[in-house]
Amino acid sequence: MIIVKSPREIALMREAGHIVASVFEALRPMCVPGVTTKELDTKAEEVIRSMGATPSFKGYGGFPGSVCISVNDTLIHGIPGKYVLKSGDIVSLDVGANYKGYHGDACRTYPVGLISPQAEALVRVTEESFWEAMKIIRPGVNLSDIGHTIQSYCEAHGYSLPRDYTGHGVGAQLHEDPPIPNYGAPGHGPLLKAGMCLAIEPMVNQGRRDTRVLSDGWTVKTADGKLSAHYENTIVVTETGYEVLTQLKE
């Protein structure tokens, strides 16, 4: 069941989203050679708790970190640890914050030092595909149109979309209905309504779409070892379009 949020709930999610965006502001300057993924995780938790929230991911299903930190060929669910960032890496930071019972969820992929033109293009197109999808968001649009837009844009640039992981509804639960695939035919699924809160998250592979899960039960990597990028925001559908909840307001 898709839960349409009340103005009160949306206001709380707006605060959660502001906290998530604040974490990115703190972590982006830290994405430099010599920093460990554990150091990024520690800083993220410090920011989240200092703003009156708790990390959505810590302990979720047993996940040990506060943030999912995925480097290079890791698609999602990278566990923070001893890995030391080096120039040429790309690092995806998936951040969730629970503020007074409501979640914000977003991801950014950042360059570390000087990255290759190919990596730069992948990161850019992944983010661009999100904003392409935003162009169609408004009440009355079919849910599948989101994934179709993302797939069309990314595949036109020569990339692939994994099939096993999707975006999702978000609110009082970190993961709510509906699942939001990053692929598919247009014109299917439920119609968007004002008050729906959605975590839309293109996950894009440089090579094939196939993935594999490591023995830790969390880390998802590309099967061919090629790069993967991830970009996500929590949005709310409005009467006239949408509002991004996980960006700092200018």
Protein backbone atom coordinates (compact mmCIF):
# COMPACT_ATOMS: atom_id res chain seq x y z
CA MET A 1 0.00 0.00 0.00
CA ILE A 2 1.34 3.43 -0.97
CA ILE A 3 1.01 5.87 1.93
CA VAL A 4 0.18 9.46 1.04
CA LYS A 5 1.84 11.68 3.64
CA SER A 6 0.11 14.47 5.57
CA PRO A 7 1.57 18.00 5.70
CA ARG A 8 2.84 17.24 9.22
CA GLU A 9 4.64 14.13 8.02
CA ILE A 10 6.11 15.93 5.03
CA ALA A 11 7.42 18.66 7.34
CA LEU A 12 9.23 16.05 9.44
CA MET A 13 10.63 14.41 6.29
CA ARG A 14 11.81 17.81 5.12
CA GLU A 15 13.83 18.08 8.34
CA ALA A 16 15.19 14.55 7.89
CA GLY A 17 16.16 15.44 4.33
CA HIS A 18 17.93 18.58 5.48
CA ILE A 19 20.00 16.46 7.86
CA VAL A 20 20.92 14.04 5.05
CA ALA A 21 21.97 16.95 2.84
CA SER A 22 24.06 18.34 5.70
CA VAL A 23 25.93 15.04 5.89
CA PHE A 24 26.94 15.36 2.23
CA GLU A 25 28.21 18.87 2.91
CA ALA A 26 30.43 17.45 5.66
CA LEU A 27 31.60 14.35 3.77
CA ARG A 28 32.29 15.69 0.30
CA PRO A 29 35.49 17.55 1.36
CA MET A 30 36.64 14.36 3.08
CA CYS A 31 36.51 12.29 -0.13
CA VAL A 32 40.23 12.64 -0.76
CA PRO A 33 43.15 10.22 -0.99
CA GLY A 34 44.23 8.83 2.39
CA VAL A 35 40.85 8.89 4.13
CA THR A 36 39.32 5.56 5.18
CA THR A 37 35.70 4.67 4.60
CA LYS A 38 35.39 4.19 8.37
CA GLU A 39 36.41 7.81 8.92
CA LEU A 40 33.64 8.92 6.55
CA ASP A 41 31.15 6.76 8.41
CA THR A 42 32.19 8.13 11.80
CA LYS A 43 31.80 11.72 10.59
CA ALA A 44 28.38 10.97 9.08
CA GLU A 45 27.07 9.53 12.34
CA GLU A 46 28.45 12.50 14.26
CA VAL A 47 26.59 14.96 12.01
CA ILE A 48 23.34 13.00 12.06
CA ARG A 49 23.26 12.68 15.85
CA SER A 50 24.33 16.30 16.40
CA MET A 51 21.20 17.38 14.49
CA GLY A 52 18.82 15.36 16.64
CA ALA A 53 18.44 12.32 14.38
CA THR A 54 19.70 8.76 14.23
CA PRO A 55 21.34 6.93 11.28
CA SER A 56 18.61 5.05 9.41
CA PHE A 57 20.96 2.32 8.22
CA LYS A 58 22.83 1.50 11.44
CA GLY A 59 21.55 -1.89 12.57
CA TYR A 60 18.98 -2.03 9.76
CA GLY A 61 18.77 -5.73 8.98
CA GLY A 62 22.04 -6.03 10.87
CA PHE A 63 23.99 -3.52 8.75
CA PRO A 64 27.03 -2.49 10.82
CA GLY A 65 27.64 1.02 9.49
CA SER A 66 25.85 4.35 9.67
CA VAL A 67 26.31 4.96 5.93
CA CYS A 68 26.65 2.60 2.97
CA ILE A 69 29.98 3.47 1.34
CA SER A 70 30.54 1.85 -2.06
CA VAL A 71 33.79 2.31 -3.99
CA ASN A 72 34.40 1.77 -7.71
CA ASP A 73 32.82 -1.56 -8.74
CA THR A 74 30.65 -1.75 -5.61
CA LEU A 75 27.07 -0.93 -6.59
CA ILE A 76 25.48 -0.59 -3.14
CA HIS A 77 25.67 -1.63 0.53
CA GLY A 78 29.43 -1.23 0.93
CA ILE A 79 30.41 -1.68 4.59
CA PRO A 80 32.63 1.10 6.01
CA GLY A 81 35.99 -0.15 7.15
CA LYS A 82 39.75 0.02 6.62
CA TYR A 83 39.71 0.75 2.88
CA VAL A 84 41.81 3.85 2.17
CA LEU A 85 40.55 6.08 -0.64
CA LYS A 86 43.01 6.69 -3.45
CA SER A 87 43.14 9.09 -6.37
CA GLY A 88 41.05 7.77 -9.26
CA ASP A 89 38.40 6.14 -7.07
CA ILE A 90 34.73 7.01 -7.20
CA VAL A 91 32.87 6.64 -3.90
CA SER A 92 29.11 6.42 -3.40
CA LEU A 93 27.77 7.62 -0.05
CA ASP A 94 24.25 6.38 0.71
CA VAL A 95 22.92 8.29 3.72
CA GLY A 96 19.74 7.89 5.76
CA ALA A 97 18.55 9.91 8.75
CA ASN A 98 15.61 9.18 11.03
CA TYR A 99 14.20 12.40 12.48
CA LYS A 100 11.35 12.03 14.96
CA GLY A 101 10.24 8.81 13.30
CA TYR A 102 10.56 9.84 9.65
CA HIS A 103 13.36 9.09 7.21
CA GLY A 104 15.34 10.96 4.60
CA ASP A 105 17.37 8.85 2.16
CA ALA A 106 19.81 9.98 -0.52
CA CYS A 107 23.05 9.04 -2.25
CA ARG A 108 25.86 10.86 -4.04
CA THR A 109 28.84 9.51 -5.98
CA TYR A 110 31.96 11.64 -5.62
CA PRO A 111 35.35 11.60 -7.33
CA VAL A 112 38.48 11.03 -5.28
CA GLY A 113 41.38 13.07 -6.61
CA LEU A 114 41.73 12.95 -10.38
CA ILE A 115 39.41 10.39 -11.97
CA SER A 116 39.33 9.11 -15.54
CA PRO A 117 37.13 10.74 -18.19
CA GLN A 118 35.18 7.47 -18.35
CA ALA A 119 34.47 7.51 -14.62
CA GLU A 120 33.56 11.19 -14.76
CA ALA A 121 31.06 10.52 -17.57
CA LEU A 122 29.44 7.65 -15.64
CA VAL A 123 28.97 9.77 -12.52
CA ARG A 124 27.60 12.67 -14.57
CA VAL A 125 25.11 10.61 -16.57
CA THR A 126 23.88 8.82 -13.44
CA GLU A 127 22.98 12.13 -11.81
CA GLU A 128 21.57 13.53 -15.05
CA SER A 129 19.24 10.55 -15.38
CA PHE A 130 17.69 11.41 -12.02
CA TRP A 131 16.96 14.96 -13.16
CA GLU A 132 15.58 13.70 -16.46
CA ALA A 133 13.08 11.64 -14.44
CA MET A 134 12.18 14.69 -12.38
CA LYS A 135 10.97 16.43 -15.55
CA ILE A 136 7.95 14.10 -15.68
CA ILE A 137 7.04 14.01 -11.96
CA ARG A 138 3.54 15.30 -11.28
CA PRO A 139 0.19 13.85 -10.18
CA GLY A 140 -1.38 11.49 -12.71
CA VAL A 141 1.87 10.12 -14.15
CA ASN A 142 2.35 6.35 -14.13
CA LEU A 143 5.02 5.11 -11.74
CA SER A 144 6.74 3.07 -14.45
CA ASP A 145 7.41 6.23 -16.43
CA ILE A 146 10.12 7.09 -13.89
CA GLY A 147 12.16 3.95 -14.54
CA HIS A 148 11.54 4.14 -18.28
CA THR A 149 12.97 7.67 -18.36
CA ILE A 150 16.06 6.67 -16.36
CA GLN A 151 16.66 3.56 -18.47
CA SER A 152 16.24 5.39 -21.76
CA TYR A 153 18.66 8.13 -20.78
CA CYS A 154 21.37 5.83 -19.40
CA GLU A 155 21.19 3.25 -22.16
CA ALA A 156 21.42 6.02 -24.77
CA HIS A 157 24.82 6.81 -23.21
CA GLY A 158 25.94 3.18 -23.36
CA TYR A 159 25.33 2.16 -19.74
CA SER A 160 23.26 -0.60 -18.14
CA LEU A 161 20.77 -0.70 -15.25
CA PRO A 162 20.89 -3.53 -12.68
CA ARG A 163 17.59 -5.34 -12.26
CA ASP A 164 17.84 -6.60 -8.67
CA TYR A 165 17.71 -3.28 -6.81
CA THR A 166 15.20 -0.46 -6.96
CA GLY A 167 14.13 2.86 -5.51
CA HIS A 168 11.24 2.84 -3.06
CA GLY A 169 8.67 4.73 -1.09
CA VAL A 170 9.93 6.26 2.14
CA GLY A 171 8.40 7.76 5.27
CA ALA A 172 7.88 6.29 8.73
CA GLN A 173 9.62 3.22 7.30
CA LEU A 174 12.92 3.42 5.46
CA HIS A 175 11.56 1.19 2.71
CA GLU A 176 7.85 1.48 1.86
CA ASP A 177 5.74 0.76 -1.18
CA PRO A 178 6.07 1.24 -4.06
CA PRO A 179 9.27 -0.30 -5.41
CA ILE A 180 10.60 1.96 -8.17
CA PRO A 181 12.69 0.09 -10.77
CA ASN A 182 15.18 2.02 -12.88
CA TYR A 183 13.92 0.33 -16.03
CA GLY A 184 10.71 -0.79 -17.69
CA ALA A 185 7.99 0.10 -20.16
CA PRO A 186 6.07 3.36 -19.72
CA GLY A 187 2.39 3.65 -18.87
CA HIS A 188 2.17 1.02 -16.13
CA GLY A 189 1.72 0.89 -12.38
CA PRO A 190 -0.04 3.23 -9.97
CA LEU A 191 -0.57 6.90 -10.72
CA LEU A 192 1.45 9.44 -8.78
CA LYS A 193 -0.51 11.49 -6.24
CA ALA A 194 0.38 14.62 -4.28
CA GLY A 195 1.84 13.62 -0.92
CA MET A 196 3.63 10.49 -2.12
CA CYS A 197 7.22 10.43 -0.84
CA LEU A 198 9.64 8.53 -3.05
CA ALA A 199 13.33 7.67 -2.94
CA ILE A 200 14.33 7.65 -6.61
CA GLU A 201 17.82 6.28 -7.13
CA PRO A 202 19.46 5.49 -10.46
CA MET A 203 22.12 2.80 -10.01
CA VAL A 204 24.11 2.63 -13.23
CA ASN A 205 26.80 0.23 -14.43
CA GLN A 206 29.61 1.02 -16.83
CA GLY A 207 29.51 -2.54 -18.16
CA ARG A 208 26.94 -5.30 -17.94
CA ARG A 209 23.95 -5.06 -15.65
CA ASP A 210 24.80 -8.28 -13.76
CA THR A 211 25.79 -8.08 -10.10
CA ARG A 212 27.08 -10.36 -7.35
CA VAL A 213 26.80 -10.26 -3.55
CA LEU A 214 29.93 -10.88 -1.49
CA SER A 215 30.14 -13.38 1.35
CA ASP A 216 29.48 -10.64 3.93
CA GLY A 217 25.86 -10.74 2.74
CA TRP A 218 25.79 -6.99 2.03
CA THR A 219 28.33 -5.76 -0.48
CA VAL A 220 26.95 -5.78 -4.03
CA LYS A 221 29.50 -5.55 -6.85
CA THR A 222 29.30 -5.50 -10.62
CA ALA A 223 29.85 -9.01 -11.96
CA ASP A 224 32.35 -7.81 -14.57
CA GLY A 225 34.34 -5.60 -12.18
CA LYS A 226 33.52 -2.39 -14.03
CA LEU A 227 32.51 0.83 -12.33
CA SER A 228 29.09 1.61 -10.91
CA ALA A 229 27.59 4.95 -9.84
CA HIS A 230 24.57 5.82 -7.70
CA TYR A 231 22.54 9.01 -7.26
CA GLU A 232 19.44 9.34 -5.08
CA ASN A 233 17.11 11.88 -3.53
CA THR A 234 13.95 11.66 -1.48
CA ILE A 235 11.19 13.68 -3.14
CA VAL A 236 7.56 14.48 -2.40
CA VAL A 237 5.05 14.73 -5.22
CA THR A 238 3.26 18.09 -5.05
CA GLU A 239 0.08 19.37 -6.70
CA THR A 240 2.13 20.87 -9.52
CA GLY A 241 5.25 18.70 -9.65
CA TYR A 242 7.71 17.74 -6.93
CA GLU A 243 9.98 18.96 -4.14
CA VAL A 244 13.38 17.45 -3.42
CA LEU A 245 13.64 16.92 0.32
CA THR A 246 17.31 15.90 0.50
CA GLN A 247 18.95 19.08 -0.81
CA LEU A 248 20.04 22.11 1.17
CA LYS A 249 17.78 25.00 0.34
CA GLU A 250 19.53 28.03 -1.14
